[in-house]
Amino acid sequence: MSLAAEPADPWYDGVRRSTGFAAYRRPTEEVPPHLQPLLERCRPYYDTMTAYRATGAPG
C-alpha cells in the first residue's frame, strides 16, 4: 500500500528532480484590495511566527 496520495504525485516528482533550494524572490504582485482586511488580520500572527523561521544560518 502506498502512503503517497495520487494527487500529490506530480509534487513528489518535482521534489525528486530538484537539486536544492532556490534563493528567495519577493513576489511582485500586490495583494488585491478585497483581501487587504484579511492580510491585516493575519499580519500579527505572521510576524510572531517569523521569529521561529528556518534561516539556514548557524545558531
PDB file of N, CA and C in Angstrom:
ATOM      1  N   MET A   1       0.836  -1.184   0.000  1.00  0.00           N
ATOM      2  CA  MET A   1       0.000   0.000   0.000  1.00  0.00           C
ATOM      3  C   MET A   1       0.883   1.251   0.000  1.00  0.00           C
ATOM      4  N   SER A   2       0.618   2.161  -0.895  1.00  0.00           N
ATOM      5  CA  SER A   2       1.388   3.404  -0.987  1.00  0.00           C
ATOM      6  C   SER A   2       0.832   4.444  -0.018  1.00  0.00           C
ATOM      7  N   LEU A   3       1.718   5.152   0.660  1.00  0.00           N
ATOM      8  CA  LEU A   3       1.287   6.199   1.582  1.00  0.00           C
ATOM      9  C   LEU A   3       1.081   7.525   0.878  1.00  0.00           C
ATOM     10  N   ALA A   4       1.646   7.688  -0.308  1.00  0.00           N
ATOM     11  CA  ALA A   4       1.513   8.930  -1.059  1.00  0.00           C
ATOM     12  C   ALA A   4       0.174   8.946  -1.787  1.00  0.00           C
ATOM     13  N   ALA A   5      -0.559  10.014  -1.638  1.00  0.00           N
ATOM     14  CA  ALA A   5      -1.829  10.158  -2.339  1.00  0.00           C
ATOM     15  C   ALA A   5      -1.557  10.463  -3.806  1.00  0.00           C
ATOM     16  N   GLU A   6      -2.417   9.977  -4.661  1.00  0.00           N
ATOM     17  CA  GLU A   6      -2.221  10.186  -6.096  1.00  0.00           C
ATOM     18  C   GLU A   6      -2.136  11.657  -6.489  1.00  0.00           C
ATOM     19  N   PRO A   7      -2.991  12.561  -5.929  1.00  0.00           N
ATOM     20  CA  PRO A   7      -2.884  13.964  -6.349  1.00  0.00           C
ATOM     21  C   PRO A   7      -1.535  14.590  -6.023  1.00  0.00           C
ATOM     22  N   ALA A   8      -0.810  14.056  -5.073  1.00  0.00           N
ATOM     23  CA  ALA A   8       0.483  14.637  -4.706  1.00  0.00           C
ATOM     24  C   ALA A   8       1.616  14.129  -5.595  1.00  0.00           C
ATOM     25  N   ASP A   9       1.356  13.112  -6.387  1.00  0.00           N
ATOM     26  CA  ASP A   9       2.416  12.528  -7.195  1.00  0.00           C
ATOM     27  C   ASP A   9       3.181  13.533  -8.051  1.00  0.00           C
ATOM     28  N   PRO A  10       2.523  14.484  -8.735  1.00  0.00           N
ATOM     29  CA  PRO A  10       3.314  15.469  -9.501  1.00  0.00           C
ATOM     30  C   PRO A  10       4.223  16.297  -8.595  1.00  0.00           C
ATOM     31  N   TRP A  11       3.772  16.616  -7.406  1.00  0.00           N
ATOM     32  CA  TRP A  11       4.609  17.365  -6.459  1.00  0.00           C
ATOM     33  C   TRP A  11       5.825  16.542  -6.080  1.00  0.00           C
ATOM     34  N   TYR A  12       5.631  15.260  -5.778  1.00  0.00           N
ATOM     35  CA  TYR A  12       6.755  14.409  -5.406  1.00  0.00           C
ATOM     36  C   TYR A  12       7.733  14.255  -6.564  1.00  0.00           C
ATOM     37  N   ASP A  13       7.231  14.209  -7.776  1.00  0.00           N
ATOM     38  CA  ASP A  13       8.127  14.139  -8.936  1.00  0.00           C
ATOM     39  C   ASP A  13       9.017  15.378  -8.982  1.00  0.00           C
ATOM     40  N   GLY A  14       8.442  16.545  -8.701  1.00  0.00           N
ATOM     41  CA  GLY A  14       9.229  17.774  -8.672  1.00  0.00           C
ATOM     42  C   GLY A  14      10.286  17.737  -7.580  1.00  0.00           C
ATOM     43  N   VAL A  15       9.931  17.172  -6.437  1.00  0.00           N
ATOM     44  CA  VAL A  15      10.888  17.060  -5.334  1.00  0.00           C
ATOM     45  C   VAL A  15      12.024  16.130  -5.731  1.00  0.00           C
ATOM     46  N   ARG A  16      11.701  15.019  -6.352  1.00  0.00           N
ATOM     47  CA  ARG A  16      12.734  14.054  -6.764  1.00  0.00           C
ATOM     48  C   ARG A  16      13.702  14.677  -7.772  1.00  0.00           C
ATOM     49  N   ARG A  17      13.195  15.551  -8.641  1.00  0.00           N
ATOM     50  CA  ARG A  17      14.047  16.170  -9.676  1.00  0.00           C
ATOM     51  C   ARG A  17      14.843  17.358  -9.147  1.00  0.00           C
ATOM     52  N   SER A  18      14.465  17.881  -7.986  1.00  0.00           N
ATOM     53  CA  SER A  18      15.119  19.096  -7.505  1.00  0.00           C
ATOM     54  C   SER A  18      16.554  18.822  -7.076  1.00  0.00           C
ATOM     55  N   THR A  19      17.341  19.877  -7.121  1.00  0.00           N
ATOM     56  CA  THR A  19      18.744  19.754  -6.715  1.00  0.00           C
ATOM     57  C   THR A  19      19.055  20.623  -5.501  1.00  0.00           C
ATOM     58  N   GLY A  20      18.051  21.268  -4.932  1.00  0.00           N
ATOM     59  CA  GLY A  20      18.278  22.101  -3.755  1.00  0.00           C
ATOM     60  C   GLY A  20      17.261  23.217  -3.677  1.00  0.00           C
ATOM     61  N   PHE A  21      17.561  24.187  -2.848  1.00  0.00           N
ATOM     62  CA  PHE A  21      16.674  25.310  -2.652  1.00  0.00           C
ATOM     63  C   PHE A  21      17.128  26.501  -3.483  1.00  0.00           C
ATOM     64  N   ALA A  22      16.173  27.217  -4.016  1.00  0.00           N
ATOM     65  CA  ALA A  22      16.477  28.442  -4.756  1.00  0.00           C
ATOM     66  C   ALA A  22      16.448  29.609  -3.788  1.00  0.00           C
ATOM     67  N   ALA A  23      17.116  30.662  -4.141  1.00  0.00           N
ATOM     68  CA  ALA A  23      17.107  31.867  -3.320  1.00  0.00           C
ATOM     69  C   ALA A  23      15.700  32.456  -3.296  1.00  0.00           C
ATOM     70  N   TYR A  24      15.331  33.067  -2.175  1.00  0.00           N
ATOM     71  CA  TYR A  24      14.011  33.686  -2.043  1.00  0.00           C
ATOM     72  C   TYR A  24      13.895  34.861  -3.001  1.00  0.00           C
ATOM     73  N   ARG A  25      12.760  34.933  -3.648  1.00  0.00           N
ATOM     74  CA  ARG A  25      12.441  36.080  -4.500  1.00  0.00           C
ATOM     75  C   ARG A  25      11.118  36.653  -4.025  1.00  0.00           C
ATOM     76  N   ARG A  26      11.147  37.923  -3.671  1.00  0.00           N
ATOM     77  CA  ARG A  26       9.930  38.579  -3.186  1.00  0.00           C
ATOM     78  C   ARG A  26       8.890  38.602  -4.308  1.00  0.00           C
ATOM     79  N   PRO A  27       7.632  38.276  -3.982  1.00  0.00           N
ATOM     80  CA  PRO A  27       6.582  38.326  -5.005  1.00  0.00           C
ATOM     81  C   PRO A  27       6.427  39.742  -5.550  1.00  0.00           C
ATOM     82  N   THR A  28       6.111  39.840  -6.812  1.00  0.00           N
ATOM     83  CA  THR A  28       5.969  41.150  -7.434  1.00  0.00           C
ATOM     84  C   THR A  28       4.514  41.603  -7.492  1.00  0.00           C
ATOM     85  N   GLU A  29       3.575  40.686  -7.321  1.00  0.00           N
ATOM     86  CA  GLU A  29       2.172  41.082  -7.394  1.00  0.00           C
ATOM     87  C   GLU A  29       1.698  41.656  -6.058  1.00  0.00           C
ATOM     88  N   GLU A  30       0.754  42.556  -6.129  1.00  0.00           N
ATOM     89  CA  GLU A  30       0.181  43.202  -4.948  1.00  0.00           C
ATOM     90  C   GLU A  30      -0.997  42.370  -4.429  1.00  0.00           C
ATOM     91  N   VAL A  31      -1.296  42.519  -3.156  1.00  0.00           N
ATOM     92  CA  VAL A  31      -2.473  41.868  -2.575  1.00  0.00           C
ATOM     93  C   VAL A  31      -3.702  42.629  -3.071  1.00  0.00           C
ATOM     94  N   PRO A  32      -4.690  41.921  -3.619  1.00  0.00           N
ATOM     95  CA  PRO A  32      -5.880  42.609  -4.126  1.00  0.00           C
ATOM     96  C   PRO A  32      -6.595  43.376  -3.001  1.00  0.00           C
ATOM     97  N   PRO A  33      -7.182  44.485  -3.326  1.00  0.00           N
ATOM     98  CA  PRO A  33      -7.847  45.306  -2.302  1.00  0.00           C
ATOM     99  C   PRO A  33      -8.857  44.547  -1.447  1.00  0.00           C
ATOM    100  N   HIS A  34      -9.596  43.619  -2.055  1.00  0.00           N
ATOM    101  CA  HIS A  34     -10.617  42.903  -1.276  1.00  0.00           C
ATOM    102  C   HIS A  34      -9.998  41.948  -0.251  1.00  0.00           C
ATOM    103  N   LEU A  35      -8.694  41.656  -0.370  1.00  0.00           N
ATOM    104  CA  LEU A  35      -8.026  40.779   0.595  1.00  0.00           C
ATOM    105  C   LEU A  35      -7.203  41.549   1.622  1.00  0.00           C
ATOM    106  N   GLN A  36      -7.129  42.853   1.503  1.00  0.00           N
ATOM    107  CA  GLN A  36      -6.362  43.661   2.446  1.00  0.00           C
ATOM    108  C   GLN A  36      -6.819  43.491   3.899  1.00  0.00           C
ATOM    109  N   PRO A  37      -8.138  43.463   4.187  1.00  0.00           N
ATOM    110  CA  PRO A  37      -8.558  43.246   5.578  1.00  0.00           C
ATOM    111  C   PRO A  37      -8.073  41.907   6.142  1.00  0.00           C
ATOM    112  N   LEU A  38      -8.086  40.878   5.326  1.00  0.00           N
ATOM    113  CA  LEU A  38      -7.585  39.576   5.767  1.00  0.00           C
ATOM    114  C   LEU A  38      -6.088  39.647   6.039  1.00  0.00           C
ATOM    115  N   LEU A  39      -5.348  40.308   5.158  1.00  0.00           N
ATOM    116  CA  LEU A  39      -3.910  40.478   5.353  1.00  0.00           C
ATOM    117  C   LEU A  39      -3.623  41.188   6.679  1.00  0.00           C
ATOM    118  N   GLU A  40      -4.356  42.234   6.952  1.00  0.00           N
ATOM    119  CA  GLU A  40      -4.156  42.985   8.190  1.00  0.00           C
ATOM    120  C   GLU A  40      -4.476  42.153   9.426  1.00  0.00           C
ATOM    121  N   ARG A  41      -5.490  41.291   9.338  1.00  0.00           N
ATOM    122  CA  ARG A  41      -5.827  40.413  10.475  1.00  0.00           C
ATOM    123  C   ARG A  41      -4.760  39.360  10.703  1.00  0.00           C
ATOM    124  N   CYS A  42      -4.154  38.864   9.643  1.00  0.00           N
ATOM    125  CA  CYS A  42      -3.171  37.776   9.745  1.00  0.00           C
ATOM    126  C   CYS A  42      -1.764  38.264  10.057  1.00  0.00           C
ATOM    127  N   ARG A  43      -1.468  39.501   9.735  1.00  0.00           N
ATOM    128  CA  ARG A  43      -0.108  40.021   9.871  1.00  0.00           C
ATOM    129  C   ARG A  43       0.503  39.818  11.257  1.00  0.00           C
ATOM    130  N   PRO A  44      -0.208  40.081  12.368  1.00  0.00           N
ATOM    131  CA  PRO A  44       0.417  39.872  13.679  1.00  0.00           C
ATOM    132  C   PRO A  44       0.851  38.416  13.906  1.00  0.00           C
ATOM    133  N   TYR A  45       0.072  37.475  13.427  1.00  0.00           N
ATOM    134  CA  TYR A  45       0.428  36.059  13.575  1.00  0.00           C
ATOM    135  C   TYR A  45       1.650  35.719  12.727  1.00  0.00           C
ATOM    136  N   TYR A  46       1.665  36.244  11.509  1.00  0.00           N
ATOM    137  CA  TYR A  46       2.806  36.029  10.615  1.00  0.00           C
ATOM    138  C   TYR A  46       4.080  36.600  11.234  1.00  0.00           C
ATOM    139  N   ASP A  47       3.975  37.812  11.758  1.00  0.00           N
ATOM    140  CA  ASP A  47       5.148  38.448  12.359  1.00  0.00           C
ATOM    141  C   ASP A  47       5.656  37.655  13.561  1.00  0.00           C
ATOM    142  N   THR A  48       4.751  37.104  14.353  1.00  0.00           N
ATOM    143  CA  THR A  48       5.149  36.280  15.503  1.00  0.00           C
ATOM    144  C   THR A  48       5.867  35.019  15.038  1.00  0.00           C
ATOM    145  N   MET A  49       5.330  34.357  14.029  1.00  0.00           N
ATOM    146  CA  MET A  49       5.941  33.111  13.540  1.00  0.00           C
ATOM    147  C   MET A  49       7.280  33.367  12.856  1.00  0.00           C
ATOM    148  N   THR A  50       7.474  34.557  12.302  1.00  0.00           N
ATOM    149  CA  THR A  50       8.727  34.886  11.628  1.00  0.00           C
ATOM    150  C   THR A  50       9.931  34.716  12.553  1.00  0.00           C
ATOM    151  N   ALA A  51       9.731  34.938  13.832  1.00  0.00           N
ATOM    152  CA  ALA A  51      10.834  34.785  14.788  1.00  0.00           C
ATOM    153  C   ALA A  51      11.325  33.338  14.866  1.00  0.00           C
ATOM    154  N   TYR A  52      10.506  32.386  14.431  1.00  0.00           N
ATOM    155  CA  TYR A  52      10.843  30.968  14.521  1.00  0.00           C
ATOM    156  C   TYR A  52      11.177  30.345  13.163  1.00  0.00           C
ATOM    157  N   ARG A  53      11.352  31.167  12.152  1.00  0.00           N
ATOM    158  CA  ARG A  53      11.584  30.636  10.800  1.00  0.00           C
ATOM    159  C   ARG A  53      12.970  30.007  10.683  1.00  0.00           C
ATOM    160  N   ALA A  54      13.087  29.084   9.760  1.00  0.00           N
ATOM    161  CA  ALA A  54      14.379  28.483   9.455  1.00  0.00           C
ATOM    162  C   ALA A  54      15.129  29.435   8.531  1.00  0.00           C
ATOM    163  N   THR A  55      16.345  29.799   8.914  1.00  0.00           N
ATOM    164  CA  THR A  55      17.114  30.744   8.109  1.00  0.00           C
ATOM    165  C   THR A  55      18.293  30.105   7.406  1.00  0.00           C
ATOM    166  N   GLY A  56      18.698  28.937   7.858  1.00  0.00           N
ATOM    167  CA  GLY A  56      19.864  28.305   7.284  1.00  0.00           C
ATOM    168  C   GLY A  56      21.157  28.795   7.911  1.00  0.00           C
ATOM    169  N   ALA A  57      21.056  29.826   8.730  1.00  0.00           N
ATOM    170  CA  ALA A  57      22.243  30.359   9.403  1.00  0.00           C
ATOM    171  C   ALA A  57      22.515  29.556  10.678  1.00  0.00           C
ATOM    172  N   PRO A  58      23.767  29.345  11.018  1.00  0.00           N
ATOM    173  CA  PRO A  58      24.067  28.611  12.243  1.00  0.00           C
ATOM    174  C   PRO A  58      23.577  29.361  13.481  1.00  0.00           C
ATOM    175  N   GLY A  59      23.160  28.579  14.440  1.00  0.00           N
ATOM    176  CA  GLY A  59      22.869  29.010  15.678  1.00  0.00           C
ATOM    177  C   GLY A  59      22.002  29.768  16.385  1.00  0.00           C
TER     178      GLY A  59
END
